[in-house]
Amino acid sequence: MIPALTASNIYSRLGSDSSLLPLAIKDIANSTGLTAGSYITGKDVESKDRFIDEFGTQAIWLGGIPFFKKLTDLTLYKLLKVDSKFDVRNLKNKEILAKAIEKAPTEEIRKSIIRAAENPKYMKNLAMIKFAFSTLAAIGTYTGLTKFRQKYRLQEAKEKLGQNKTPLYTQKTPKAFEEVSSSKKSDKNISFGGSIQDFMFNPVKNLMILDGSITAERLASSESKQEFINYTIKEGGTWLFMYFAGDMIKKHLENKSKVPIKLDSKIIESKELKEAIKGNTIKTSLDEYSKLIGNEAKDIDVYNFIHENPDNFIVKMAKKSKLIKTLKKSETIDTRAYIDIDDFKNLKNNIEELYKKAPKENIEDYLNKVIKSKRLSVLKNMGICIGALGIAVPAIMIASRYILPNNKEYKVMETARNQKAQESAKMA
């Protein structure tokens, strides 16, 4: 079921650290700006090449990994009769795993968790295979696009010079620098860094691995110094404003805000929050949490609290923000899914902060101010990143073409012209 396209859902996804929507919007801005910049510097041949490179890569980048993961679910997991919805992170804590079995909403789900619990190594290896295959398959698809693009743009350049029937020319070593071309391909030795599970289960971090390989492939397969410089500028800007700057800007705006805006937009803009503050039920839920488990609770204590207190406001909001996954069209917790206990604790702390700063009167004015501040912070964050990727980075690339020596002409056209001269000389 597709969630309703409400303002709160849109702002929630735009402000999420694990949503692909803000990345897609940023990348569209970046791709559009770079394509326009390429038309300025190299007209139709260069702009066509840039269009294929940027928007073709975007389709693989955003859709490749999810597609190959789904393909693995429908083939390998189905063939082995393994429940693809079971999250192997549940295997980390035996107490939570036992409780997940006990609280399973259906007998089928209970049996699937038991099978996973009985074969933890097998399940972890299977999850790793799924992760590796989907990532490497997406990388392979991008490599294929790169080879096609390089042949296509040279053909376009030759046609521009009046060589429509000349066979495509391919260099034996189409590299910008020999030391780059001799290095190992990134997809053969991917270094994850930190906890590998963070990259396996966070869609954004999963993309970082693919993006790292795309960056390495682009730099290594550059056919001229000009292309290498362009990619260095483009990839540097992408990594900064796609993955790192957004989080730093978000934290800065949250700390600077006069009202608490750390909660998900779906919670901040919900009727439940307004009713909970007005009816003081939010205090009851916070007191209930503190009384039953306190601040020094173990993970299993928090997990038990979640299952045993479905009417608690914190639990309800965790479900609303998808921190706790439920069965379709139901409020019943799907125990195959993983619940990040630290995220749940942070949710509780953020709800408590918002409640404590709420005035006794004019609650609606207070919440309206929180909503406006949250929306503005999300828009500011997106605006800064879009401006950098869609305007600043392309402008720097255009400037480099005019500032650096022997860099103004599109090098593919220069290569095509040289080949034409060589072929004409042979025919003479």
Protein backbone atom coordinates (compact mmCIF):
# COMPACT_ATOMS: atom_id res chain seq x y z
CA MET A 1 0.00 0.00 0.00
CA ILE A 2 1.45 3.38 -1.03
CA PRO A 3 1.41 5.93 1.84
CA ALA A 4 -0.72 9.02 1.36
CA LEU A 5 1.19 11.87 -0.24
CA THR A 6 0.65 14.34 2.58
CA ALA A 7 2.84 17.30 3.49
CA SER A 8 4.04 15.54 6.64
CA ASN A 9 5.06 12.45 4.65
CA ILE A 10 6.97 14.56 2.14
CA TYR A 11 8.82 16.56 4.81
CA SER A 12 9.44 13.36 6.75
CA ARG A 13 11.16 11.74 3.78
CA LEU A 14 13.07 14.90 2.84
CA GLY A 15 14.40 15.17 6.39
CA SER A 16 15.23 11.49 6.85
CA ASP A 17 18.81 10.18 7.03
CA SER A 18 17.75 6.89 5.44
CA SER A 19 15.39 8.10 2.69
CA LEU A 20 16.40 8.06 -0.96
CA LEU A 21 14.08 10.93 -1.92
CA PRO A 22 16.42 13.79 -0.89
CA LEU A 23 19.29 12.05 -2.70
CA ALA A 24 17.18 11.72 -5.84
CA ILE A 25 16.22 15.41 -5.80
CA LYS A 26 19.81 16.52 -5.18
CA ASP A 27 21.08 14.28 -7.96
CA ILE A 28 18.48 15.53 -10.46
CA ALA A 29 19.59 19.10 -9.71
CA ASN A 30 23.23 18.11 -10.09
CA SER A 31 22.64 16.18 -13.33
CA THR A 32 20.58 19.00 -14.84
CA GLY A 33 23.19 21.61 -13.93
CA LEU A 34 26.05 19.52 -15.30
CA THR A 35 24.20 18.78 -18.54
CA ALA A 36 23.47 22.48 -19.05
CA GLY A 37 27.10 23.31 -18.25
CA SER A 38 28.32 20.74 -20.78
CA TYR A 39 26.17 22.34 -23.47
CA ILE A 40 27.81 25.70 -22.72
CA THR A 41 31.34 24.28 -23.03
CA GLY A 42 30.90 21.59 -25.70
CA LYS A 43 27.49 22.02 -27.33
CA ASP A 44 25.39 19.02 -28.34
CA VAL A 45 28.02 16.24 -28.41
CA GLU A 46 29.31 16.92 -24.92
CA SER A 47 25.85 17.63 -23.49
CA LYS A 48 24.46 14.36 -24.92
CA ASP A 49 27.37 12.48 -23.38
CA ARG A 50 26.81 14.20 -20.03
CA PHE A 51 23.08 13.49 -20.19
CA ILE A 52 23.63 9.76 -20.75
CA ASP A 53 26.33 9.65 -18.07
CA GLU A 54 24.42 11.54 -15.38
CA PHE A 55 20.83 10.37 -15.86
CA GLY A 56 21.83 6.83 -16.85
CA THR A 57 24.00 6.60 -13.75
CA GLN A 58 21.18 8.03 -11.67
CA ALA A 59 18.81 5.25 -12.74
CA ILE A 60 21.39 2.60 -11.85
CA TRP A 61 22.44 4.39 -8.67
CA LEU A 62 18.94 4.75 -7.23
CA GLY A 63 17.24 1.70 -8.70
CA GLY A 64 20.02 -0.82 -9.21
CA ILE A 65 20.55 -2.07 -5.66
CA PRO A 66 16.81 -2.23 -4.73
CA PHE A 67 16.11 -4.06 -8.00
CA PHE A 68 18.81 -6.69 -7.50
CA LYS A 69 17.84 -7.13 -3.84
CA LYS A 70 14.25 -7.79 -4.86
CA LEU A 71 15.47 -10.14 -7.55
CA THR A 72 17.42 -12.09 -4.90
CA ASP A 73 14.32 -12.29 -2.71
CA LEU A 74 12.24 -13.68 -5.58
CA THR A 75 14.86 -16.18 -6.71
CA LEU A 76 17.48 -17.30 -4.18
CA TYR A 77 15.43 -16.80 -1.01
CA LYS A 78 12.34 -18.34 -2.57
CA LEU A 79 14.32 -21.30 -3.92
CA LEU A 80 15.85 -21.94 -0.49
CA LYS A 81 12.47 -21.36 1.21
CA VAL A 82 13.89 -18.67 3.46
CA ASP A 83 11.84 -15.72 4.72
CA SER A 84 13.46 -12.67 3.11
CA LYS A 85 11.66 -10.35 5.56
CA PHE A 86 13.60 -11.68 8.56
CA ASP A 87 16.24 -9.14 9.60
CA VAL A 88 19.47 -10.90 10.62
CA ARG A 89 20.29 -8.10 13.07
CA ASN A 90 17.79 -9.80 15.38
CA LEU A 91 20.35 -12.58 15.82
CA LYS A 92 22.66 -10.27 17.78
CA ASN A 93 20.63 -10.45 21.00
CA LYS A 94 19.42 -13.90 22.06
CA GLU A 95 16.97 -12.49 24.61
CA ILE A 96 15.33 -10.25 22.02
CA LEU A 97 15.32 -13.11 19.52
CA ALA A 98 13.47 -15.33 22.00
CA LYS A 99 10.96 -12.55 22.67
CA ALA A 100 10.48 -12.05 18.91
CA ILE A 101 9.52 -15.71 18.64
CA GLU A 102 7.18 -15.43 21.64
CA LYS A 103 5.50 -12.28 20.33
CA ALA A 104 5.31 -13.36 16.68
CA PRO A 105 1.94 -12.19 15.29
CA THR A 106 1.30 -15.36 13.26
CA GLU A 107 2.33 -18.99 13.43
CA GLU A 108 3.99 -18.73 10.03
CA ILE A 109 6.15 -15.81 11.18
CA ARG A 110 6.99 -17.64 14.43
CA LYS A 111 8.21 -20.67 12.48
CA SER A 112 10.27 -18.53 10.11
CA ILE A 113 12.04 -16.83 13.04
CA ILE A 114 12.69 -20.21 14.69
CA ARG A 115 14.27 -21.51 11.45
CA ALA A 116 16.49 -18.43 11.33
CA ALA A 117 17.45 -18.80 15.01
CA GLU A 118 18.44 -22.42 14.44
CA ASN A 119 20.72 -21.49 11.52
CA PRO A 120 22.28 -18.11 12.43
CA LYS A 121 25.49 -18.53 10.41
CA TYR A 122 23.55 -19.66 7.35
CA MET A 123 21.18 -16.67 7.60
CA LYS A 124 24.03 -14.19 8.03
CA ASN A 125 25.92 -15.61 5.06
CA LEU A 126 22.78 -15.51 2.94
CA ALA A 127 22.22 -11.86 3.87
CA MET A 128 25.83 -11.09 2.97
CA ILE A 129 25.44 -12.82 -0.40
CA LYS A 130 22.31 -10.75 -1.09
CA PHE A 131 24.12 -7.55 -0.13
CA ALA A 132 27.25 -8.35 -2.15
CA PHE A 133 25.36 -9.53 -5.24
CA SER A 134 23.02 -6.53 -5.38
CA THR A 135 25.91 -4.09 -4.94
CA LEU A 136 28.29 -5.76 -7.39
CA ALA A 137 25.53 -6.31 -9.97
CA ALA A 138 24.72 -2.58 -9.85
CA ILE A 139 28.43 -1.77 -10.21
CA GLY A 140 28.65 -4.12 -13.20
CA THR A 141 25.64 -2.46 -14.80
CA TYR A 142 27.28 0.94 -14.41
CA THR A 143 30.53 -0.36 -15.93
CA GLY A 144 28.54 -1.53 -18.95
CA LEU A 145 26.96 1.90 -19.26
CA THR A 146 30.40 3.53 -19.16
CA LYS A 147 31.72 1.36 -22.00
CA PHE A 148 28.63 2.06 -24.11
CA ARG A 149 28.82 5.80 -23.42
CA GLN A 150 32.49 6.09 -24.40
CA LYS A 151 31.84 4.37 -27.75
CA TYR A 152 28.66 6.33 -28.38
CA ARG A 153 30.18 9.76 -27.76
CA LEU A 154 33.13 9.11 -30.08
CA GLN A 155 30.71 8.00 -32.79
CA GLU A 156 28.71 11.19 -32.24
CA ALA A 157 31.87 13.26 -32.52
CA LYS A 158 32.84 11.55 -35.79
CA GLU A 159 29.40 12.08 -37.23
CA LYS A 160 29.73 15.74 -36.30
CA LEU A 161 32.94 15.82 -38.32
CA GLY A 162 31.31 14.02 -41.30
CA GLN A 163 32.51 10.46 -40.66
CA ASN A 164 29.18 8.68 -40.37
CA LYS A 165 30.42 5.32 -41.65
CA THR A 166 33.77 5.15 -39.87
CA PRO A 167 34.02 2.15 -37.51
CA LEU A 168 34.18 3.00 -33.84
CA TYR A 169 37.70 3.50 -32.54
CA THR A 170 38.58 2.10 -29.13
CA GLN A 171 41.82 2.79 -27.34
CA LYS A 172 43.70 -0.17 -25.87
CA THR A 173 44.13 1.65 -22.59
CA PRO A 174 41.50 4.44 -22.35
CA LYS A 175 42.86 5.91 -19.13
CA ALA A 176 43.74 9.43 -18.10
CA PHE A 177 46.81 8.36 -16.12
CA GLU A 178 48.68 5.07 -16.22
CA GLU A 179 48.96 4.80 -12.43
CA VAL A 180 45.18 5.07 -12.16
CA SER A 181 44.51 2.44 -14.82
CA SER A 182 46.91 -0.01 -13.24
CA SER A 183 45.18 0.12 -9.86
CA LYS A 184 42.79 -2.61 -8.79
CA LYS A 185 39.12 -2.21 -9.60
CA SER A 186 37.15 -1.02 -6.60
CA ASP A 187 34.44 -3.65 -6.98
CA LYS A 188 36.97 -6.42 -6.34
CA ASN A 189 38.03 -5.07 -2.98
CA ILE A 190 35.29 -3.00 -1.39
CA SER A 191 36.23 -1.58 1.98
CA PHE A 192 33.14 -1.02 4.08
CA GLY A 193 34.62 0.64 7.13
CA GLY A 194 32.85 0.69 10.49
CA SER A 195 30.01 -1.76 11.04
CA ILE A 196 29.14 -3.56 7.82
CA GLN A 197 25.54 -3.90 8.99
CA ASP A 198 25.14 -0.11 8.84
CA PHE A 199 25.83 -0.30 5.12
CA MET A 200 23.78 -3.44 4.53
CA PHE A 201 20.53 -2.15 6.00
CA ASN A 202 20.66 1.63 5.56
CA PRO A 203 19.67 2.45 1.95
CA VAL A 204 21.70 5.67 1.95
CA LYS A 205 24.87 4.05 3.27
CA ASN A 206 24.33 1.16 0.87
CA LEU A 207 24.42 3.70 -1.95
CA MET A 208 27.70 5.08 -0.62
CA ILE A 209 29.42 1.81 -1.52
CA LEU A 210 27.99 1.91 -5.03
CA ASP A 211 28.89 5.59 -5.32
CA GLY A 212 32.44 4.84 -4.20
CA SER A 213 32.78 2.32 -7.02
CA ILE A 214 31.19 4.72 -9.52
CA THR A 215 33.66 7.43 -8.47
CA ALA A 216 36.63 5.06 -8.79
CA GLU A 217 35.38 3.77 -12.17
CA ARG A 218 34.86 7.28 -13.51
CA LEU A 219 38.33 8.44 -12.48
CA ALA A 220 40.07 5.26 -13.63
CA SER A 221 38.31 5.12 -17.02
CA SER A 222 38.75 8.81 -17.84
CA GLU A 223 40.03 9.08 -21.42
CA SER A 224 41.67 12.46 -21.01
CA LYS A 225 43.08 14.76 -18.37
CA GLN A 226 40.10 17.05 -18.98
CA GLU A 227 37.63 14.29 -18.17
CA PHE A 228 39.64 13.33 -15.06
CA ILE A 229 39.55 16.94 -13.80
CA ASN A 230 35.81 17.20 -14.51
CA TYR A 231 35.07 14.02 -12.58
CA THR A 232 37.31 15.07 -9.70
CA ILE A 233 35.31 18.29 -9.28
CA LYS A 234 31.95 16.59 -9.84
CA GLU A 235 32.58 13.62 -7.53
CA GLY A 236 34.10 15.79 -4.80
CA GLY A 237 31.02 18.01 -4.78
CA THR A 238 28.69 15.01 -4.89
CA TRP A 239 30.26 13.28 -1.91
CA LEU A 240 30.33 16.47 0.14
CA PHE A 241 26.77 17.68 -0.46
CA MET A 242 25.06 14.34 -1.09
CA TYR A 243 26.26 12.49 2.01
CA PHE A 244 28.00 14.71 4.56
CA ALA A 245 26.96 18.35 4.39
CA GLY A 246 23.24 17.59 4.72
CA ASP A 247 23.67 15.89 8.09
CA MET A 248 25.91 18.69 9.39
CA ILE A 249 23.46 21.36 8.21
CA LYS A 250 20.56 19.44 9.77
CA LYS A 251 22.23 19.24 13.18
CA HIS A 252 23.23 22.90 13.02
CA LEU A 253 19.67 24.00 12.24
CA GLU A 254 18.23 21.74 14.95
CA ASN A 255 20.59 23.15 17.57
CA LYS A 256 19.94 26.71 16.41
CA SER A 257 16.14 26.38 16.44
CA LYS A 258 14.26 28.07 19.28
CA VAL A 259 11.80 25.17 19.41
CA PRO A 260 12.54 21.40 19.36
CA ILE A 261 12.51 20.08 15.77
CA LYS A 262 14.38 16.78 16.06
CA LEU A 263 11.25 14.63 15.78
CA ASP A 264 10.03 13.18 12.49
CA SER A 265 7.64 15.49 10.62
CA LYS A 266 4.96 12.81 10.67
CA ILE A 267 4.99 13.02 14.47
CA ILE A 268 5.29 16.79 14.73
CA GLU A 269 2.36 17.36 12.34
CA SER A 270 0.16 14.58 13.71
CA LYS A 271 -3.16 15.08 15.46
CA GLU A 272 -2.04 12.54 18.04
CA LEU A 273 0.74 14.81 19.29
CA LYS A 274 -1.58 17.76 19.74
CA GLU A 275 -4.15 15.61 21.55
CA ALA A 276 -1.50 13.97 23.74
CA ILE A 277 -0.14 17.33 24.92
CA LYS A 278 -3.58 18.84 25.46
CA GLY A 279 -4.87 15.77 27.31
CA ASN A 280 -1.58 15.33 29.19
CA THR A 281 -1.47 11.69 28.09
CA ILE A 282 2.04 12.28 26.79
CA LYS A 283 3.20 12.84 30.39
CA THR A 284 1.47 9.63 31.44
CA SER A 285 3.32 7.71 28.73
CA LEU A 286 6.68 9.25 29.64
CA ASP A 287 6.12 8.48 33.33
CA GLU A 288 5.07 4.95 32.42
CA TYR A 289 8.34 4.46 30.53
CA SER A 290 10.46 5.86 33.38
CA LYS A 291 8.61 3.83 36.02
CA LEU A 292 8.84 0.51 34.22
CA ILE A 293 12.37 0.60 32.81
CA GLY A 294 14.13 3.90 33.62
CA ASN A 295 17.19 5.30 31.87
CA GLU A 296 19.50 2.37 32.65
CA ALA A 297 17.30 -0.29 31.10
CA LYS A 298 18.77 -3.16 29.10
CA ASP A 299 17.79 -3.59 25.46
CA ILE A 300 15.54 -6.53 26.32
CA ASP A 301 13.70 -4.38 28.88
CA VAL A 302 12.96 -1.74 26.23
CA TYR A 303 11.94 -4.44 23.76
CA ASN A 304 9.53 -5.92 26.31
CA PHE A 305 8.12 -2.46 27.04
CA ILE A 306 7.40 -1.92 23.34
CA HIS A 307 5.43 -5.16 23.06
CA GLU A 308 3.63 -4.92 26.38
CA ASN A 309 2.53 -1.28 26.08
CA PRO A 310 0.95 -0.86 22.63
CA ASP A 311 -1.13 2.12 23.81
CA ASN A 312 1.88 4.06 25.08
CA PHE A 313 2.32 7.29 23.11
CA ILE A 314 6.04 6.67 22.51
CA VAL A 315 5.31 3.24 21.05
CA LYS A 316 2.53 4.64 18.88
CA MET A 317 4.81 7.34 17.50
CA ALA A 318 7.57 4.81 16.86
CA LYS A 319 5.10 2.91 14.69
CA LYS A 320 3.96 6.10 12.97
CA SER A 321 7.52 7.04 12.03
CA LYS A 322 8.23 3.45 10.87
CA LEU A 323 10.89 2.98 13.52
CA ILE A 324 8.78 -0.03 14.49
CA LYS A 325 7.45 -1.96 11.49
CA THR A 326 3.99 -3.45 11.58
CA LEU A 327 2.03 -5.88 9.45
CA LYS A 328 0.12 -4.38 6.50
CA LYS A 329 -3.07 -2.54 7.47
CA SER A 330 -2.42 -3.35 11.12
CA GLU A 331 -0.84 -2.00 14.29
CA THR A 332 0.55 -5.45 15.10
CA ILE A 333 4.35 -5.48 15.31
CA ASP A 334 6.14 -7.62 12.74
CA THR A 335 8.76 -9.34 14.91
CA ARG A 336 10.82 -10.36 11.88
CA ALA A 337 11.81 -6.71 11.49
CA TYR A 338 14.62 -5.17 13.53
CA ILE A 339 13.92 -2.53 16.17
CA ASP A 340 16.86 -0.22 16.85
CA ILE A 341 16.65 0.25 20.61
CA ASP A 342 18.94 3.30 20.58
CA ASP A 343 16.67 4.98 18.03
CA PHE A 344 13.66 4.23 20.23
CA LYS A 345 15.41 5.78 23.24
CA ASN A 346 16.28 8.86 21.18
CA LEU A 347 12.64 9.11 20.11
CA LYS A 348 11.56 9.04 23.75
CA ASN A 349 14.10 11.77 24.63
CA ASN A 350 13.00 13.99 21.74
CA ILE A 351 9.32 13.62 22.65
CA GLU A 352 10.18 14.48 26.24
CA GLU A 353 12.14 17.57 25.15
CA LEU A 354 9.27 18.85 23.01
CA TYR A 355 6.76 18.23 25.83
CA LYS A 356 8.84 19.95 28.51
CA LYS A 357 9.24 23.08 26.38
CA ALA A 358 5.54 23.23 25.55
CA PRO A 359 3.64 26.08 27.29
CA LYS A 360 0.58 25.35 29.42
CA GLU A 361 -1.48 27.62 27.19
CA ASN A 362 -1.55 28.32 23.45
CA ILE A 363 -0.54 24.76 22.62
CA GLU A 364 -1.67 25.10 19.02
CA ASP A 365 0.47 28.21 18.47
CA TYR A 366 3.46 26.37 19.93
CA LEU A 367 2.99 23.32 17.69
CA ASN A 368 2.41 25.51 14.61
CA LYS A 369 5.71 27.19 15.34
CA VAL A 370 7.39 23.80 15.67
CA ILE A 371 5.88 22.65 12.36
CA LYS A 372 6.96 25.82 10.53
CA SER A 373 10.49 25.63 11.99
CA LYS A 374 10.82 21.98 11.05
CA ARG A 375 9.65 22.59 7.48
CA LEU A 376 11.90 25.61 7.08
CA SER A 377 14.94 23.68 8.32
CA VAL A 378 14.26 20.87 5.85
CA LEU A 379 13.83 23.33 2.97
CA LYS A 380 16.97 25.28 3.94
CA ASN A 381 18.99 22.08 4.07
CA MET A 382 17.73 20.90 0.69
CA GLY A 383 18.13 24.39 -0.82
CA ILE A 384 21.78 24.69 0.21
CA CYS A 385 22.66 21.24 -1.12
CA ILE A 386 20.68 21.69 -4.36
CA GLY A 387 22.29 25.09 -4.94
CA ALA A 388 25.75 23.64 -4.41
CA LEU A 389 25.19 20.59 -6.62
CA GLY A 390 23.03 22.19 -9.32
CA ILE A 391 24.76 25.57 -9.65
CA ALA A 392 28.11 25.84 -7.81
CA VAL A 393 29.67 22.54 -8.94
CA PRO A 394 28.71 22.97 -12.64
CA ALA A 395 29.98 26.58 -12.50
CA ILE A 396 33.35 25.41 -11.15
CA MET A 397 33.57 22.81 -13.92
CA ILE A 398 32.80 25.45 -16.57
CA ALA A 399 35.40 27.81 -15.06
CA SER A 400 38.04 25.07 -15.13
CA ARG A 401 37.54 24.72 -18.88
CA TYR A 402 38.46 28.38 -19.44
CA ILE A 403 41.05 28.82 -16.69
CA LEU A 404 43.22 25.71 -17.12
CA PRO A 405 45.57 25.72 -20.15
CA ASN A 406 44.65 23.67 -23.22
CA ASN A 407 41.37 22.66 -21.65
CA LYS A 408 38.67 24.67 -23.44
CA GLU A 409 37.86 22.32 -26.35
CA TYR A 410 35.96 19.10 -25.65
CA LYS A 411 38.69 16.43 -25.86
CA VAL A 412 36.48 13.83 -27.51
CA MET A 413 36.10 16.17 -30.50
CA GLU A 414 39.87 16.63 -30.53
CA THR A 415 40.37 12.83 -30.49
CA ALA A 416 37.88 12.36 -33.34
CA ARG A 417 39.61 15.09 -35.37
CA ASN A 418 43.04 13.47 -34.87
CA GLN A 419 41.70 10.08 -35.91
CA LYS A 420 40.19 11.62 -39.02
CA ALA A 421 43.54 13.15 -39.93
CA GLN A 422 45.33 9.82 -39.38
CA GLU A 423 42.82 7.91 -41.49
CA SER A 424 42.99 10.52 -44.26
CA ALA A 425 46.79 10.26 -44.26
CA LYS A 426 46.61 6.44 -44.63
CA MET A 427 44.24 6.75 -47.59
CA ALA A 428 46.46 9.31 -49.32
